[in-house]
PDB file of all heavy atoms in Angstrom:
ATOM      1  N   MET A   1       0.858  -1.173   0.000  1.00  0.00           N
ATOM      2  CA  MET A   1       0.000   0.000   0.000  1.00  0.00           C
ATOM      3  C   MET A   1       0.898   1.228   0.000  1.00  0.00           C
ATOM      4  O   MET A   1       2.021   1.191   0.508  1.00  0.00           O
ATOM      5  CB  MET A   1      -0.928   0.014   1.212  1.00  0.00           C
ATOM      6  CG  MET A   1      -1.796  -1.218   1.331  1.00  0.00           C
ATOM      7  SD  MET A   1      -2.981  -1.155   2.711  1.00  0.00           S
ATOM      8  CE  MET A   1      -4.230  -0.060   2.003  1.00  0.00           C
ATOM      9  N   ALA A   2       0.393   2.311  -0.565  1.00  0.00           N
ATOM     10  CA  ALA A   2       1.219   3.505  -0.704  1.00  0.00           C
ATOM     11  C   ALA A   2       0.366   4.758  -0.723  1.00  0.00           C
ATOM     12  O   ALA A   2      -0.843   4.708  -0.975  1.00  0.00           O
ATOM     13  CB  ALA A   2       2.058   3.433  -1.982  1.00  0.00           C
ATOM     14  N   TRP A   3       1.017   5.878  -0.444  1.00  0.00           N
ATOM     15  CA  TRP A   3       0.416   7.193  -0.595  1.00  0.00           C
ATOM     16  C   TRP A   3       1.179   7.967  -1.663  1.00  0.00           C
ATOM     17  O   TRP A   3       2.413   8.012  -1.642  1.00  0.00           O
ATOM     18  CB  TRP A   3       0.444   7.988   0.709  1.00  0.00           C
ATOM     19  CG  TRP A   3      -0.560   7.541   1.716  1.00  0.00           C
ATOM     20  CD1 TRP A   3      -0.366   6.681   2.751  1.00  0.00           C
ATOM     21  CD2 TRP A   3      -1.929   7.949   1.791  1.00  0.00           C
ATOM     22  NE1 TRP A   3      -1.517   6.520   3.471  1.00  0.00           N
ATOM     23  CE2 TRP A   3      -2.501   7.285   2.900  1.00  0.00           C
ATOM     24  CE3 TRP A   3      -2.726   8.803   1.037  1.00  0.00           C
ATOM     25  CZ2 TRP A   3      -3.838   7.452   3.269  1.00  0.00           C
ATOM     26  CZ3 TRP A   3      -4.052   8.971   1.395  1.00  0.00           C
ATOM     27  CH2 TRP A   3      -4.594   8.301   2.498  1.00  0.00           C
ATOM     28  N   TYR A   4       0.435   8.558  -2.568  1.00  0.00           N
ATOM     29  CA  TYR A   4       0.963   9.477  -3.567  1.00  0.00           C
ATOM     30  C   TYR A   4       0.341  10.848  -3.333  1.00  0.00           C
ATOM     31  O   TYR A   4      -0.682  10.974  -2.662  1.00  0.00           O
ATOM     32  CB  TYR A   4       0.621   9.014  -4.984  1.00  0.00           C
ATOM     33  CG  TYR A   4       1.354   7.775  -5.450  1.00  0.00           C
ATOM     34  CD1 TYR A   4       0.988   6.510  -5.000  1.00  0.00           C
ATOM     35  CD2 TYR A   4       2.402   7.882  -6.361  1.00  0.00           C
ATOM     36  CE1 TYR A   4       1.655   5.380  -5.438  1.00  0.00           C
ATOM     37  CE2 TYR A   4       3.070   6.753  -6.811  1.00  0.00           C
ATOM     38  CZ  TYR A   4       2.682   5.504  -6.341  1.00  0.00           C
ATOM     39  OH  TYR A   4       3.345   4.381  -6.792  1.00  0.00           O
ATOM     40  N   ARG A   5       0.953  11.871  -3.903  1.00  0.00           N
ATOM     41  CA  ARG A   5       0.359  13.192  -3.827  1.00  0.00           C
ATOM     42  C   ARG A   5       0.622  13.953  -5.120  1.00  0.00           C
ATOM     43  O   ARG A   5       1.593  13.695  -5.825  1.00  0.00           O
ATOM     44  CB  ARG A   5       0.890  13.985  -2.634  1.00  0.00           C
ATOM     45  CG  ARG A   5       2.356  14.389  -2.725  1.00  0.00           C
ATOM     46  CD  ARG A   5       2.802  15.058  -1.432  1.00  0.00           C
ATOM     47  NE  ARG A   5       4.191  15.493  -1.493  1.00  0.00           N
ATOM     48  CZ  ARG A   5       4.865  15.979  -0.450  1.00  0.00           C
ATOM     49  NH1 ARG A   5       4.270  16.092   0.735  1.00  0.00           N
ATOM     50  NH2 ARG A   5       6.130  16.349  -0.598  1.00  0.00           N
ATOM     51  N   GLN A   6      -0.266  14.880  -5.400  1.00  0.00           N
ATOM     52  CA  GLN A   6      -0.120  15.722  -6.574  1.00  0.00           C
ATOM     53  C   GLN A   6      -0.508  17.147  -6.206  1.00  0.00           C
ATOM     54  O   GLN A   6      -1.648  17.412  -5.832  1.00  0.00           O
ATOM     55  CB  GLN A   6      -0.976  15.225  -7.734  1.00  0.00           C
ATOM     56  CG  GLN A   6      -0.741  15.977  -9.029  1.00  0.00           C
ATOM     57  CD  GLN A   6      -1.290  15.253 -10.240  1.00  0.00           C
ATOM     58  OE1 GLN A   6      -2.181  14.412 -10.117  1.00  0.00           O
ATOM     59  NE2 GLN A   6      -0.768  15.569 -11.404  1.00  0.00           N
ATOM     60  N   ALA A   7       0.459  18.043  -6.304  1.00  0.00           N
ATOM     61  CA  ALA A   7       0.237  19.453  -6.040  1.00  0.00           C
ATOM     62  C   ALA A   7      -0.165  20.151  -7.332  1.00  0.00           C
ATOM     63  O   ALA A   7       0.136  19.670  -8.431  1.00  0.00           O
ATOM     64  CB  ALA A   7       1.495  20.089  -5.458  1.00  0.00           C
ATOM     65  N   PRO A   8      -0.836  21.298  -7.235  1.00  0.00           N
ATOM     66  CA  PRO A   8      -1.232  22.031  -8.433  1.00  0.00           C
ATOM     67  C   PRO A   8      -0.042  22.333  -9.334  1.00  0.00           C
ATOM     68  O   PRO A   8       0.981  22.840  -8.864  1.00  0.00           O
ATOM     69  CB  PRO A   8      -1.843  23.314  -7.877  1.00  0.00           C
ATOM     70  CG  PRO A   8      -2.331  22.935  -6.517  1.00  0.00           C
ATOM     71  CD  PRO A   8      -1.311  21.962  -6.007  1.00  0.00           C
ATOM     72  N   GLY A   9      -0.170  21.997 -10.605  1.00  0.00           N
ATOM     73  CA  GLY A   9       0.870  22.276 -11.566  1.00  0.00           C
ATOM     74  C   GLY A   9       2.083  21.373 -11.496  1.00  0.00           C
ATOM     75  O   GLY A   9       3.078  21.627 -12.189  1.00  0.00           O
ATOM     76  N   LYS A  10       2.026  20.327 -10.684  1.00  0.00           N
ATOM     77  CA  LYS A  10       3.161  19.430 -10.533  1.00  0.00           C
ATOM     78  C   LYS A  10       2.757  17.993 -10.833  1.00  0.00           C
ATOM     79  O   LYS A  10       1.575  17.645 -10.832  1.00  0.00           O
ATOM     80  CB  LYS A  10       3.742  19.516  -9.123  1.00  0.00           C
ATOM     81  CG  LYS A  10       4.193  20.906  -8.721  1.00  0.00           C
ATOM     82  CD  LYS A  10       5.022  20.879  -7.465  1.00  0.00           C
ATOM     83  CE  LYS A  10       6.377  20.240  -7.720  1.00  0.00           C
ATOM     84  NZ  LYS A  10       7.262  20.313  -6.519  1.00  0.00           N
ATOM     85  N   GLN A  11       3.752  17.165 -11.090  1.00  0.00           N
ATOM     86  CA  GLN A  11       3.510  15.759 -11.356  1.00  0.00           C
ATOM     87  C   GLN A  11       3.207  15.007 -10.065  1.00  0.00           C
ATOM     88  O   GLN A  11       3.633  15.404  -8.983  1.00  0.00           O
ATOM     89  CB  GLN A  11       4.721  15.136 -12.048  1.00  0.00           C
ATOM     90  CG  GLN A  11       5.017  15.695 -13.431  1.00  0.00           C
ATOM     91  CD  GLN A  11       6.216  15.025 -14.078  1.00  0.00           C
ATOM     92  OE1 GLN A  11       7.092  14.518 -13.390  1.00  0.00           O
ATOM     93  NE2 GLN A  11       6.246  15.020 -15.395  1.00  0.00           N
ATOM     94  N   ARG A  12       2.474  13.925 -10.207  1.00  0.00           N
ATOM     95  CA  ARG A  12       2.196  13.078  -9.059  1.00  0.00           C
ATOM     96  C   ARG A  12       3.484  12.409  -8.588  1.00  0.00           C
ATOM     97  O   ARG A  12       4.301  11.961  -9.407  1.00  0.00           O
ATOM     98  CB  ARG A  12       1.159  12.015  -9.424  1.00  0.00           C
ATOM     99  CG  ARG A  12       0.718  11.142  -8.257  1.00  0.00           C
ATOM    100  CD  ARG A  12      -0.341  10.150  -8.682  1.00  0.00           C
ATOM    101  NE  ARG A  12       0.162   9.207  -9.665  1.00  0.00           N
ATOM    102  CZ  ARG A  12      -0.567   8.259 -10.225  1.00  0.00           C
ATOM    103  NH1 ARG A  12      -1.858   8.132  -9.914  1.00  0.00           N
ATOM    104  NH2 ARG A  12      -0.020   7.437 -11.105  1.00  0.00           N
ATOM    105  N   GLU A  13       3.664  12.324  -7.283  1.00  0.00           N
ATOM    106  CA  GLU A  13       4.864  11.724  -6.734  1.00  0.00           C
ATOM    107  C   GLU A  13       4.520  10.719  -5.643  1.00  0.00           C
ATOM    108  O   GLU A  13       3.521  10.854  -4.935  1.00  0.00           O
ATOM    109  CB  GLU A  13       5.806  12.792  -6.177  1.00  0.00           C
ATOM    110  CG  GLU A  13       5.249  13.551  -4.982  1.00  0.00           C
ATOM    111  CD  GLU A  13       6.264  14.484  -4.343  1.00  0.00           C
ATOM    112  OE1 GLU A  13       7.478  14.278  -4.542  1.00  0.00           O
ATOM    113  OE2 GLU A  13       5.835  15.418  -3.634  1.00  0.00           O
ATOM    114  N   LEU A  14       5.372   9.733  -5.511  1.00  0.00           N
ATOM    115  CA  LEU A  14       5.235   8.753  -4.443  1.00  0.00           C
ATOM    116  C   LEU A  14       5.720   9.372  -3.140  1.00  0.00           C
ATOM    117  O   LEU A  14       6.840   9.870  -3.056  1.00  0.00           O
ATOM    118  CB  LEU A  14       6.044   7.502  -4.768  1.00  0.00           C
ATOM    119  CG  LEU A  14       6.095   6.414  -3.689  1.00  0.00           C
ATOM    120  CD1 LEU A  14       4.712   5.839  -3.421  1.00  0.00           C
ATOM    121  CD2 LEU A  14       7.069   5.313  -4.095  1.00  0.00           C
ATOM    122  N   VAL A  15       4.876   9.322  -2.117  1.00  0.00           N
ATOM    123  CA  VAL A  15       5.211   9.868  -0.808  1.00  0.00           C
ATOM    124  C   VAL A  15       5.796   8.798   0.100  1.00  0.00           C
ATOM    125  O   VAL A  15       6.843   8.990   0.722  1.00  0.00           O
ATOM    126  CB  VAL A  15       3.976  10.504  -0.144  1.00  0.00           C
ATOM    127  CG1 VAL A  15       4.308  11.007   1.257  1.00  0.00           C
ATOM    128  CG2 VAL A  15       3.433  11.638  -1.005  1.00  0.00           C
ATOM    129  N   ALA A  16       5.106   7.679   0.191  1.00  0.00           N
ATOM    130  CA  ALA A  16       5.539   6.606   1.073  1.00  0.00           C
ATOM    131  C   ALA A  16       4.896   5.303   0.641  1.00  0.00           C
ATOM    132  O   ALA A  16       3.801   5.289   0.086  1.00  0.00           O
ATOM    133  CB  ALA A  16       5.174   6.904   2.532  1.00  0.00           C
ATOM    134  N   ARG A  17       5.588   4.220   0.921  1.00  0.00           N
ATOM    135  CA  ARG A  17       5.105   2.898   0.534  1.00  0.00           C
ATOM    136  C   ARG A  17       5.389   1.929   1.657  1.00  0.00           C
ATOM    137  O   ARG A  17       6.417   2.019   2.329  1.00  0.00           O
ATOM    138  CB  ARG A  17       5.781   2.438  -0.758  1.00  0.00           C
ATOM    139  CG  ARG A  17       5.340   1.072  -1.266  1.00  0.00           C
ATOM    140  CD  ARG A  17       6.122   0.693  -2.514  1.00  0.00           C
ATOM    141  NE  ARG A  17       5.681  -0.572  -3.087  1.00  0.00           N
ATOM    142  CZ  ARG A  17       6.106  -1.756  -2.694  1.00  0.00           C
ATOM    143  NH1 ARG A  17       7.004  -1.844  -1.713  1.00  0.00           N
ATOM    144  NH2 ARG A  17       5.652  -2.862  -3.268  1.00  0.00           N
ATOM    145  N   ILE A  18       4.475   0.962   1.847  1.00  0.00           N
ATOM    146  CA  ILE A  18       4.658  -0.050   2.871  1.00  0.00           C
ATOM    147  C   ILE A  18       4.259  -1.407   2.309  1.00  0.00           C
ATOM    148  O   ILE A  18       3.212  -1.566   1.686  1.00  0.00           O
ATOM    149  CB  ILE A  18       3.857   0.289   4.150  1.00  0.00           C
ATOM    150  CG1 ILE A  18       4.156  -0.714   5.265  1.00  0.00           C
ATOM    151  CG2 ILE A  18       2.365   0.375   3.867  1.00  0.00           C
ATOM    152  CD1 ILE A  18       3.640  -0.257   6.628  1.00  0.00           C
ATOM    153  N   SER A  19       5.116  -2.385   2.509  1.00  0.00           N
ATOM    154  CA  SER A  19       4.824  -3.736   2.065  1.00  0.00           C
ATOM    155  C   SER A  19       3.854  -4.400   3.033  1.00  0.00           C
ATOM    156  O   SER A  19       3.587  -3.902   4.127  1.00  0.00           O
ATOM    157  CB  SER A  19       6.111  -4.553   1.967  1.00  0.00           C
ATOM    158  OG  SER A  19       6.622  -4.834   3.261  1.00  0.00           O
ATOM    159  N   ARG A  20       3.337  -5.540   2.636  1.00  0.00           N
ATOM    160  CA  ARG A  20       2.445  -6.263   3.530  1.00  0.00           C
ATOM    161  C   ARG A  20       3.159  -6.644   4.821  1.00  0.00           C
ATOM    162  O   ARG A  20       2.539  -6.678   5.896  1.00  0.00           O
ATOM    163  CB  ARG A  20       1.895  -7.511   2.842  1.00  0.00           C
ATOM    164  CG  ARG A  20       0.959  -8.311   3.725  1.00  0.00           C
ATOM    165  CD  ARG A  20       0.214  -9.386   2.974  1.00  0.00           C
ATOM    166  NE  ARG A  20      -0.652 -10.148   3.860  1.00  0.00           N
ATOM    167  CZ  ARG A  20      -1.856  -9.751   4.261  1.00  0.00           C
ATOM    168  NH1 ARG A  20      -2.351  -8.598   3.837  1.00  0.00           N
ATOM    169  NH2 ARG A  20      -2.572 -10.511   5.082  1.00  0.00           N
ATOM    170  N   GLY A  21       4.447  -6.911   4.738  1.00  0.00           N
ATOM    171  CA  GLY A  21       5.226  -7.264   5.907  1.00  0.00           C
ATOM    172  C   GLY A  21       5.651  -6.087   6.756  1.00  0.00           C
ATOM    173  O   GLY A  21       6.252  -6.289   7.820  1.00  0.00           O
ATOM    174  N   GLY A  22       5.373  -4.857   6.304  1.00  0.00           N
ATOM    175  CA  GLY A  22       5.658  -3.687   7.111  1.00  0.00           C
ATOM    176  C   GLY A  22       6.910  -2.918   6.753  1.00  0.00           C
ATOM    177  O   GLY A  22       7.248  -1.943   7.438  1.00  0.00           O
ATOM    178  N   SER A  23       7.618  -3.310   5.710  1.00  0.00           N
ATOM    179  CA  SER A  23       8.794  -2.560   5.278  1.00  0.00           C
ATOM    180  C   SER A  23       8.357  -1.260   4.617  1.00  0.00           C
ATOM    181  O   SER A  23       7.491  -1.260   3.749  1.00  0.00           O
ATOM    182  CB  SER A  23       9.635  -3.383   4.306  1.00  0.00           C
ATOM    183  OG  SER A  23      10.120  -4.561   4.927  1.00  0.00           O
ATOM    184  N   THR A  24       8.969  -0.154   5.017  1.00  0.00           N
ATOM    185  CA  THR A  24       8.557   1.158   4.536  1.00  0.00           C
ATOM    186  C   THR A  24       9.656   1.857   3.763  1.00  0.00           C
ATOM    187  O   THR A  24      10.848   1.609   3.968  1.00  0.00           O
ATOM    188  CB  THR A  24       8.128   2.068   5.693  1.00  0.00           C
ATOM    189  OG1 THR A  24       9.195   2.167   6.645  1.00  0.00           O
ATOM    190  CG2 THR A  24       6.897   1.519   6.389  1.00  0.00           C
ATOM    191  N   SER A  25       9.246   2.744   2.883  1.00  0.00           N
ATOM    192  CA  SER A  25      10.148   3.634   2.180  1.00  0.00           C
ATOM    193  C   SER A  25       9.459   4.988   2.044  1.00  0.00           C
ATOM    194  O   SER A  25       8.231   5.061   1.964  1.00  0.00           O
ATOM    195  CB  SER A  25      10.540   3.078   0.808  1.00  0.00           C
ATOM    196  OG  SER A  25       9.400   2.908  -0.016  1.00  0.00           O
ATOM    197  N   TYR A  26      10.264   6.063   2.026  1.00  0.00           N
ATOM    198  CA  TYR A  26       9.728   7.413   2.011  1.00  0.00           C
ATOM    199  C   TYR A  26      10.449   8.264   0.989  1.00  0.00           C
ATOM    200  O   TYR A  26      11.639   8.084   0.721  1.00  0.00           O
ATOM    201  CB  TYR A  26       9.888   8.082   3.379  1.00  0.00           C
ATOM    202  CG  TYR A  26       9.188   7.378   4.514  1.00  0.00           C
ATOM    203  CD1 TYR A  26       9.835   6.382   5.238  1.00  0.00           C
ATOM    204  CD2 TYR A  26       7.890   7.716   4.851  1.00  0.00           C
ATOM    205  CE1 TYR A  26       9.189   5.737   6.280  1.00  0.00           C
ATOM    206  CE2 TYR A  26       7.241   7.072   5.897  1.00  0.00           C
ATOM    207  CZ  TYR A  26       7.899   6.080   6.611  1.00  0.00           C
ATOM    208  OH  TYR A  26       7.261   5.446   7.649  1.00  0.00           O
ATOM    209  N   ALA A  27       9.723   9.218   0.446  1.00  0.00           N
ATOM    210  CA  ALA A  27      10.360  10.229  -0.378  1.00  0.00           C
ATOM    211  C   ALA A  27      11.290  11.064   0.493  1.00  0.00           C
ATOM    212  O   ALA A  27      11.020  11.289   1.678  1.00  0.00           O
ATOM    213  CB  ALA A  27       9.310  11.125  -1.025  1.00  0.00           C
ATOM    214  N   ASP A  28      12.388  11.520  -0.091  1.00  0.00           N
ATOM    215  CA  ASP A  28      13.353  12.305   0.677  1.00  0.00           C
ATOM    216  C   ASP A  28      12.713  13.546   1.309  1.00  0.00           C
ATOM    217  O   ASP A  28      13.104  13.964   2.402  1.00  0.00           O
ATOM    218  CB  ASP A  28      14.516  12.732  -0.218  1.00  0.00           C
ATOM    219  CG  ASP A  28      15.425  11.575  -0.573  1.00  0.00           C
ATOM    220  OD1 ASP A  28      15.403  10.552   0.124  1.00  0.00           O
ATOM    221  OD2 ASP A  28      16.180  11.715  -1.565  1.00  0.00           O
ATOM    222  N   SER A  29      11.740  14.112   0.637  1.00  0.00           N
ATOM    223  CA  SER A  29      11.127  15.344   1.102  1.00  0.00           C
ATOM    224  C   SER A  29      10.306  15.179   2.381  1.00  0.00           C
ATOM    225  O   SER A  29      10.006  16.168   3.050  1.00  0.00           O
ATOM    226  CB  SER A  29      10.238  15.939   0.006  1.00  0.00           C
ATOM    227  OG  SER A  29       9.218  15.035  -0.370  1.00  0.00           O
ATOM    228  N   VAL A  30       9.949  13.938   2.730  1.00  0.00           N
ATOM    229  CA  VAL A  30       9.110  13.722   3.909  1.00  0.00           C
ATOM    230  C   VAL A  30       9.788  12.883   4.981  1.00  0.00           C
ATOM    231  O   VAL A  30       9.205  12.690   6.059  1.00  0.00           O
ATOM    232  CB  VAL A  30       7.762  13.076   3.531  1.00  0.00           C
ATOM    233  CG1 VAL A  30       7.059  13.891   2.456  1.00  0.00           C
ATOM    234  CG2 VAL A  30       7.947  11.629   3.082  1.00  0.00           C
ATOM    235  N   LYS A  31      10.983  12.400   4.728  1.00  0.00           N
ATOM    236  CA  LYS A  31      11.686  11.579   5.705  1.00  0.00           C
ATOM    237  C   LYS A  31      11.891  12.341   7.008  1.00  0.00           C
ATOM    238  O   LYS A  31      12.274  13.506   7.001  1.00  0.00           O
ATOM    239  CB  LYS A  31      13.039  11.127   5.156  1.00  0.00           C
ATOM    240  CG  LYS A  31      12.952  10.052   4.099  1.00  0.00           C
ATOM    241  CD  LYS A  31      14.338   9.648   3.610  1.00  0.00           C
ATOM    242  CE  LYS A  31      14.260   8.555   2.564  1.00  0.00           C
ATOM    243  NZ  LYS A  31      15.603   8.190   2.036  1.00  0.00           N
TER     244      LYS A  31
END
């Protein structure tokens, strides 16, 4: 499962992702 975001005038970006087992990854901007 993951969260993406899209700001006005910008491309959609991946914010954070989590595997079923709980492993997470984050965009540098939100770490």
